[in-house]
PDB file of N, CA and C in Angstrom:
ATOM      1  N   MET A   1     202.670  58.673 149.052  1.00  0.00           N
ATOM      2  CA  MET A   1     202.767  57.468 149.826  1.00  0.00           C
ATOM      3  C   MET A   1     201.868  57.614 151.056  1.00  0.00           C
ATOM      4  N   THR A   2     201.134  56.566 151.347  1.00  0.00           N
ATOM      5  CA  THR A   2     200.273  56.528 152.519  1.00  0.00           C
ATOM      6  C   THR A   2     200.900  55.665 153.596  1.00  0.00           C
ATOM      7  N   LEU A   3     200.833  56.149 154.819  1.00  0.00           N
ATOM      8  CA  LEU A   3     201.316  55.385 155.965  1.00  0.00           C
ATOM      9  C   LEU A   3     200.130  55.082 156.868  1.00  0.00           C
ATOM     10  N   ILE A   4     199.897  53.801 157.143  1.00  0.00           N
ATOM     11  CA  ILE A   4     198.846  53.373 158.062  1.00  0.00           C
ATOM     12  C   ILE A   4     199.480  52.408 159.038  1.00  0.00           C
ATOM     13  N   LEU A   5     199.210  52.609 160.330  1.00  0.00           N
ATOM     14  CA  LEU A   5     199.854  51.863 161.385  1.00  0.00           C
ATOM     15  C   LEU A   5     198.795  51.261 162.300  1.00  0.00           C
ATOM     16  N   ALA A   6     198.957  50.007 162.677  1.00  0.00           N
ATOM     17  CA  ALA A   6     198.099  49.345 163.664  1.00  0.00           C
ATOM     18  C   ALA A   6     198.988  48.829 164.784  1.00  0.00           C
ATOM     19  N   ILE A   7     198.695  49.266 166.009  1.00  0.00           N
ATOM     20  CA  ILE A   7     199.493  48.882 167.165  1.00  0.00           C
ATOM     21  C   ILE A   7     198.592  48.136 168.150  1.00  0.00           C
ATOM     22  N   PRO A   8     198.869  46.850 168.396  1.00  0.00           N
ATOM     23  CA  PRO A   8     198.052  46.124 169.381  1.00  0.00           C
ATOM     24  C   PRO A   8     198.389  46.579 170.800  1.00  0.00           C
ATOM     25  N   THR A   9     197.365  46.691 171.624  1.00  0.00           N
ATOM     26  CA  THR A   9     197.538  47.023 173.037  1.00  0.00           C
ATOM     27  C   THR A   9     196.712  46.043 173.863  1.00  0.00           C
ATOM     28  N   ALA A  10     196.862  46.100 175.161  1.00  0.00           N
ATOM     29  CA  ALA A  10     196.087  45.221 176.039  1.00  0.00           C
ATOM     30  C   ALA A  10     194.591  45.518 175.939  1.00  0.00           C
ATOM     31  N   GLN A  11     194.228  46.757 175.618  1.00  0.00           N
ATOM     32  CA  GLN A  11     192.828  47.153 175.540  1.00  0.00           C
ATOM     33  C   GLN A  11     192.234  47.045 174.133  1.00  0.00           C
ATOM     34  N   GLY A  12     193.043  46.817 173.116  1.00  0.00           N
ATOM     35  CA  GLY A  12     192.549  46.761 171.736  1.00  0.00           C
ATOM     36  C   GLY A  12     193.649  47.080 170.750  1.00  0.00           C
ATOM     37  N   ILE A  13     193.303  47.833 169.716  1.00  0.00           N
ATOM     38  CA  ILE A  13     194.261  48.204 168.678  1.00  0.00           C
ATOM     39  C   ILE A  13     194.196  49.710 168.466  1.00  0.00           C
ATOM     40  N   VAL A  14     195.348  50.345 168.349  1.00  0.00           N
ATOM     41  CA  VAL A  14     195.431  51.761 168.005  1.00  0.00           C
ATOM     42  C   VAL A  14     195.712  51.847 166.514  1.00  0.00           C
ATOM     43  N   LEU A  15     194.848  52.548 165.767  1.00  0.00           N
ATOM     44  CA  LEU A  15     195.054  52.768 164.335  1.00  0.00           C
ATOM     45  C   LEU A  15     195.484  54.211 164.104  1.00  0.00           C
ATOM     46  N   ALA A  16     196.449  54.408 163.224  1.00  0.00           N
ATOM     47  CA  ALA A  16     196.931  55.752 162.914  1.00  0.00           C
ATOM     48  C   ALA A  16     197.314  55.818 161.451  1.00  0.00           C
ATOM     49  N   SER A  17     197.241  57.011 160.877  1.00  0.00           N
ATOM     50  CA  SER A  17     197.677  57.204 159.488  1.00  0.00           C
ATOM     51  C   SER A  17     198.085  58.644 159.275  1.00  0.00           C
ATOM     52  N   ASP A  18     198.786  58.869 158.164  1.00  0.00           N
ATOM     53  CA  ASP A  18     199.026  60.247 157.755  1.00  0.00           C
ATOM     54  C   ASP A  18     197.699  60.803 157.233  1.00  0.00           C
ATOM     55  N   THR A  19     197.637  62.097 156.962  1.00  0.00           N
ATOM     56  CA  THR A  19     196.382  62.711 156.523  1.00  0.00           C
ATOM     57  C   THR A  19     196.503  63.454 155.195  1.00  0.00           C
ATOM     58  N   GLN A  20     197.630  63.327 154.504  1.00  0.00           N
ATOM     59  CA  GLN A  20     197.814  64.079 153.262  1.00  0.00           C
ATOM     60  C   GLN A  20     197.245  63.341 152.055  1.00  0.00           C
ATOM     61  N   TYR A  21     196.427  64.061 151.293  1.00  0.00           N
ATOM     62  CA  TYR A  21     195.915  63.586 150.002  1.00  0.00           C
ATOM     63  C   TYR A  21     196.595  64.399 148.914  1.00  0.00           C
ATOM     64  N   THR A  22     196.990  63.742 147.831  1.00  0.00           N
ATOM     65  CA  THR A  22     197.601  64.426 146.702  1.00  0.00           C
ATOM     66  C   THR A  22     196.865  64.043 145.426  1.00  0.00           C
ATOM     67  N   SER A  23     196.499  65.049 144.652  1.00  0.00           N
ATOM     68  CA  SER A  23     195.871  64.822 143.356  1.00  0.00           C
ATOM     69  C   SER A  23     196.578  65.729 142.356  1.00  0.00           C
ATOM     70  N   GLY A  24     197.479  65.157 141.582  1.00  0.00           N
ATOM     71  CA  GLY A  24     198.297  65.970 140.680  1.00  0.00           C
ATOM     72  C   GLY A  24     199.204  66.860 141.493  1.00  0.00           C
ATOM     73  N   GLU A  25     199.080  68.164 141.300  1.00  0.00           N
ATOM     74  CA  GLU A  25     199.879  69.140 142.042  1.00  0.00           C
ATOM     75  C   GLU A  25     199.174  69.630 143.306  1.00  0.00           C
ATOM     76  N   VAL A  26     197.935  69.222 143.510  1.00  0.00           N
ATOM     77  CA  VAL A  26     197.132  69.705 144.641  1.00  0.00           C
ATOM     78  C   VAL A  26     197.300  68.779 145.836  1.00  0.00           C
ATOM     79  N   ARG A  27     197.569  69.387 146.987  1.00  0.00           N
ATOM     80  CA  ARG A  27     197.682  68.627 148.233  1.00  0.00           C
ATOM     81  C   ARG A  27     196.698  69.184 149.250  1.00  0.00           C
ATOM     82  N   THR A  28     196.061  68.292 149.965  1.00  0.00           N
ATOM     83  CA  THR A  28     195.123  68.670 151.014  1.00  0.00           C
ATOM     84  C   THR A  28     195.192  67.620 152.116  1.00  0.00           C
ATOM     85  N   THR A  29     194.474  67.819 153.191  1.00  0.00           N
ATOM     86  CA  THR A  29     194.484  66.850 154.282  1.00  0.00           C
ATOM     87  C   THR A  29     193.078  66.363 154.584  1.00  0.00           C
ATOM     88  N   GLY A  30     192.993  65.183 155.135  1.00  0.00           N
ATOM     89  CA  GLY A  30     191.725  64.599 155.529  1.00  0.00           C
ATOM     90  C   GLY A  30     191.950  63.220 156.102  1.00  0.00           C
ATOM     91  N   PRO A  31     190.925  62.655 156.724  1.00  0.00           N
ATOM     92  CA  PRO A  31     191.082  61.336 157.340  1.00  0.00           C
ATOM     93  C   PRO A  31     191.209  60.228 156.307  1.00  0.00           C
ATOM     94  N   LYS A  32     192.010  59.221 156.607  1.00  0.00           N
ATOM     95  CA  LYS A  32     192.153  58.044 155.746  1.00  0.00           C
ATOM     96  C   LYS A  32     191.592  56.797 156.410  1.00  0.00           C
ATOM     97  N   ILE A  33     191.265  56.885 157.698  1.00  0.00           N
ATOM     98  CA  ILE A  33     190.683  55.766 158.437  1.00  0.00           C
ATOM     99  C   ILE A  33     189.250  56.141 158.789  1.00  0.00           C
ATOM    100  N   SER A  34     188.314  55.243 158.474  1.00  0.00           N
ATOM    101  CA  SER A  34     186.897  55.497 158.741  1.00  0.00           C
ATOM    102  C   SER A  34     186.313  54.332 159.529  1.00  0.00           C
ATOM    103  N   PRO A  35     185.477  54.628 160.513  1.00  0.00           N
ATOM    104  CA  PRO A  35     184.863  53.538 161.287  1.00  0.00           C
ATOM    105  C   PRO A  35     183.732  52.867 160.523  1.00  0.00           C
ATOM    106  N   LEU A  36     183.594  51.552 160.698  1.00  0.00           N
ATOM    107  CA  LEU A  36     182.405  50.835 160.241  1.00  0.00           C
ATOM    108  C   LEU A  36     181.417  50.733 161.394  1.00  0.00           C
ATOM    109  N   ASN A  37     181.945  50.456 162.588  1.00  0.00           N
ATOM    110  CA  ASN A  37     181.188  50.440 163.836  1.00  0.00           C
ATOM    111  C   ASN A  37     182.207  50.541 164.961  1.00  0.00           C
ATOM    112  N   SER A  38     181.806  50.281 166.195  1.00  0.00           N
ATOM    113  CA  SER A  38     182.749  50.435 167.303  1.00  0.00           C
ATOM    114  C   SER A  38     183.806  49.331 167.342  1.00  0.00           C
ATOM    115  N   GLN A  39     183.650  48.298 166.522  1.00  0.00           N
ATOM    116  CA  GLN A  39     184.579  47.163 166.520  1.00  0.00           C
ATOM    117  C   GLN A  39     185.458  47.087 165.275  1.00  0.00           C
ATOM    118  N   CYS A  40     185.161  47.875 164.246  1.00  0.00           N
ATOM    119  CA  CYS A  40     185.819  47.687 162.957  1.00  0.00           C
ATOM    120  C   CYS A  40     186.012  49.027 162.235  1.00  0.00           C
ATOM    121  N   ALA A  41     187.107  49.130 161.503  1.00  0.00           N
ATOM    122  CA  ALA A  41     187.394  50.335 160.716  1.00  0.00           C
ATOM    123  C   ALA A  41     187.982  49.915 159.371  1.00  0.00           C
ATOM    124  N   TRP A  42     187.981  50.848 158.419  1.00  0.00           N
ATOM    125  CA  TRP A  42     188.627  50.597 157.131  1.00  0.00           C
ATOM    126  C   TRP A  42     189.447  51.821 156.767  1.00  0.00           C
ATOM    127  N   ALA A  43     190.459  51.602 155.934  1.00  0.00           N
ATOM    128  CA  ALA A  43     191.340  52.688 155.517  1.00  0.00           C
ATOM    129  C   ALA A  43     191.506  52.654 154.011  1.00  0.00           C
ATOM    130  N   GLY A  44     191.727  53.816 153.427  1.00  0.00           N
ATOM    131  CA  GLY A  44     191.900  53.886 151.980  1.00  0.00           C
ATOM    132  C   GLY A  44     193.129  54.676 151.595  1.00  0.00           C
ATOM    133  N   ALA A  45     193.692  54.314 150.453  1.00  0.00           N
ATOM    134  CA  ALA A  45     194.831  55.025 149.893  1.00  0.00           C
ATOM    135  C   ALA A  45     194.706  54.972 148.382  1.00  0.00           C
ATOM    136  N   GLY A  46     195.210  55.991 147.710  1.00  0.00           N
ATOM    137  CA  GLY A  46     195.160  56.015 146.257  1.00  0.00           C
ATOM    138  C   GLY A  46     194.272  57.142 145.748  1.00  0.00           C
ATOM    139  N   GLU A  47     193.582  56.888 144.655  1.00  0.00           N
ATOM    140  CA  GLU A  47     192.739  57.906 144.028  1.00  0.00           C
ATOM    141  C   GLU A  47     191.608  58.341 144.953  1.00  0.00           C
ATOM    142  N   ILE A  48     191.504  59.640 145.181  1.00  0.00           N
ATOM    143  CA  ILE A  48     190.478  60.181 146.074  1.00  0.00           C
ATOM    144  C   ILE A  48     189.085  59.800 145.592  1.00  0.00           C
ATOM    145  N   ALA A  49     188.833  59.891 144.296  1.00  0.00           N
ATOM    146  CA  ALA A  49     187.504  59.563 143.762  1.00  0.00           C
ATOM    147  C   ALA A  49     187.136  58.116 144.048  1.00  0.00           C
ATOM    148  N   LEU A  50     188.087  57.210 143.933  1.00  0.00           N
ATOM    149  CA  LEU A  50     187.830  55.799 144.213  1.00  0.00           C
ATOM    150  C   LEU A  50     187.530  55.586 145.694  1.00  0.00           C
ATOM    151  N   ILE A  51     188.289  56.228 146.564  1.00  0.00           N
ATOM    152  CA  ILE A  51     188.046  56.114 148.008  1.00  0.00           C
ATOM    153  C   ILE A  51     186.648  56.631 148.339  1.00  0.00           C
ATOM    154  N   GLN A  52     186.246  57.738 147.721  1.00  0.00           N
ATOM    155  CA  GLN A  52     184.904  58.282 147.962  1.00  0.00           C
ATOM    156  C   GLN A  52     183.829  57.314 147.488  1.00  0.00           C
ATOM    157  N   ARG A  53     184.035  56.657 146.356  1.00  0.00           N
ATOM    158  CA  ARG A  53     183.046  55.678 145.862  1.00  0.00           C
ATOM    159  C   ARG A  53     182.956  54.471 146.792  1.00  0.00           C
ATOM    160  N   VAL A  54     184.098  54.031 147.319  1.00  0.00           N
ATOM    161  CA  VAL A  54     184.094  52.925 148.275  1.00  0.00           C
ATOM    162  C   VAL A  54     183.334  53.340 149.532  1.00  0.00           C
ATOM    163  N   GLN A  55     183.579  54.547 150.032  1.00  0.00           N
ATOM    164  CA  GLN A  55     182.874  55.047 151.213  1.00  0.00           C
ATOM    165  C   GLN A  55     181.370  55.066 150.969  1.00  0.00           C
ATOM    166  N   GLU A  56     180.948  55.545 149.802  1.00  0.00           N
ATOM    167  CA  GLU A  56     179.519  55.575 149.461  1.00  0.00           C
ATOM    168  C   GLU A  56     178.939  54.165 149.404  1.00  0.00           C
ATOM    169  N   ALA A  57     179.682  53.217 148.847  1.00  0.00           N
ATOM    170  CA  ALA A  57     179.207  51.829 148.770  1.00  0.00           C
ATOM    171  C   ALA A  57     179.086  51.212 150.161  1.00  0.00           C
ATOM    172  N   ILE A  58     180.039  51.511 151.028  1.00  0.00           N
ATOM    173  CA  ILE A  58     179.973  51.003 152.405  1.00  0.00           C
ATOM    174  C   ILE A  58     178.772  51.589 153.127  1.00  0.00           C
ATOM    175  N   GLU A  59     178.539  52.883 152.955  1.00  0.00           N
ATOM    176  CA  GLU A  59     177.389  53.514 153.600  1.00  0.00           C
ATOM    177  C   GLU A  59     176.080  52.931 153.071  1.00  0.00           C
ATOM    178  N   ALA A  60     175.994  52.680 151.771  1.00  0.00           N
ATOM    179  CA  ALA A  60     174.785  52.090 151.189  1.00  0.00           C
ATOM    180  C   ALA A  60     174.577  50.670 151.702  1.00  0.00           C
ATOM    181  N   ALA A  61     175.650  49.901 151.789  1.00  0.00           N
ATOM    182  CA  ALA A  61     175.548  48.526 152.293  1.00  0.00           C
ATOM    183  C   ALA A  61     175.137  48.522 153.760  1.00  0.00           C
ATOM    184  N   SER A  62     175.661  49.457 154.539  1.00  0.00           N
ATOM    185  CA  SER A  62     175.309  49.488 155.954  1.00  0.00           C
ATOM    186  C   SER A  62     173.860  49.903 156.154  1.00  0.00           C
ATOM    187  N   ALA A  63     173.289  50.648 155.207  1.00  0.00           N
ATOM    188  CA  ALA A  63     171.886  51.005 155.286  1.00  0.00           C
ATOM    189  C   ALA A  63     171.002  49.781 154.990  1.00  0.00           C
ATOM    190  N   ARG A  64     171.495  48.868 154.131  1.00  0.00           N
ATOM    191  CA  ARG A  64     170.742  47.657 153.775  1.00  0.00           C
ATOM    192  C   ARG A  64     170.968  46.524 154.749  1.00  0.00           C
ATOM    193  N   HIS A  65     172.154  46.433 155.317  1.00  0.00           N
ATOM    194  CA  HIS A  65     172.533  45.336 156.209  1.00  0.00           C
ATOM    195  C   HIS A  65     173.066  45.916 157.508  1.00  0.00           C
ATOM    196  N   SER A  66     172.786  45.269 158.582  1.00  0.00           N
ATOM    197  CA  SER A  66     173.232  45.768 159.885  1.00  0.00           C
ATOM    198  C   SER A  66     174.738  45.591 160.045  1.00  0.00           C
ATOM    199  N   LEU A  67     175.428  46.705 160.260  1.00  0.00           N
ATOM    200  CA  LEU A  67     176.837  46.661 160.635  1.00  0.00           C
ATOM    201  C   LEU A  67     176.948  47.099 162.086  1.00  0.00           C
ATOM    202  N   ALA A  68     175.904  46.817 162.852  1.00  0.00           N
ATOM    203  CA  ALA A  68     175.866  47.235 164.249  1.00  0.00           C
ATOM    204  C   ALA A  68     176.947  46.553 165.054  1.00  0.00           C
ATOM    205  N   ASP A  69     177.200  47.125 166.212  1.00  0.00           N
ATOM    206  CA  ASP A  69     178.207  46.601 167.123  1.00  0.00           C
ATOM    207  C   ASP A  69     177.824  45.201 167.464  1.00  0.00           C
TER     208      ASP A  69
END
């Protein structure tokens, strides 16, 4: 189970998540929230391979299109 939390504040939003990844019997830790730019972030849960493919697609799209601040 993945937990992702967004808390609004006067200055913006605080994003938080757990860091445990599970694949079968194997457990490891790593970030689940990734920045797109200083104004936007995305989070993933589920199959690690799928999350990695989404990350690669986002990086490729940002190279073609400006995701600048």
